[in-house]
């Protein structure tokens, strides 16, 4: 279903930011969503935080005085459908607010993020995790892979996941490779695999693995993921949309603080699609 048809209510707690304000005007003019500013604090917001965190009313009322927490509580209370923030706020604050008010989806223990990478040749790939988890252990990496697979399915209709490493199969060793190998066993997706083998069927054959044509790439660390997506932007003219947070009970988009107006518009529309 399209964003226009859904007419989702999207709360923007940073509505006064110039780029956000311009993006909101475009979204509203095109009928892509119903942009919302911060509502007044409500008992429904307080109740949503209390329900999610098991905290006392006084603490919940204190939280909803803070813009990010109130915006997240609006989503949790059903006053909005999607949260888009991060033009001013750092990622850790967006995650903290979403965690306190919205909470994680059932079965998820590790919140994570992904970028949707759009390449000039028309390829679209999910890169994860490039913004949140610095050095995930095998269990966290498996969580990231599962969440990213769900994100890939929501965006592409199907997901082909590869857990990346500097080694393919049993060709190399070391602690980082073993973490990826263990994560692959936990989540059931292929890994460890080198990036070229994950993307190129001919190279996969040379390296003795089945062709994957992966569209969801799981990086072993934040170093690897963050460096990769920025290199693709600068050297490959790729557009990076996001980062999108994943693993929460409702859609949350954490904008890059360098996001352009077009980036904010596109990220909002994709966040709506993720909740479809």
Foldseek 3Di string as FASTA:
>chain_A
DFLLVVQFEEEEQVCVPVLNVVLQVVCVVVSSHRYDYQDPDDVLLLVQLCVQPVDDSVVSVVQCVDSLLVNLSCCSSVVGFEYEYALPDAPVVNVVSNCRRFNFDPPADAKAWWWWKAFPVGATAIFPHQGPFAADFLVNLLSRQVQLQLLCCLVPVGFQEAEEDPDADPPDDDDLQVRSVSNCVVNVHDDHDHPCQQQPQVVVVVVPHHHGNGRYYRYRGNVVRNVVRVCCVPPRVMDIAFGWMTRTPGTYTHGHNPDGSVSSNVNVRSSVSSRD
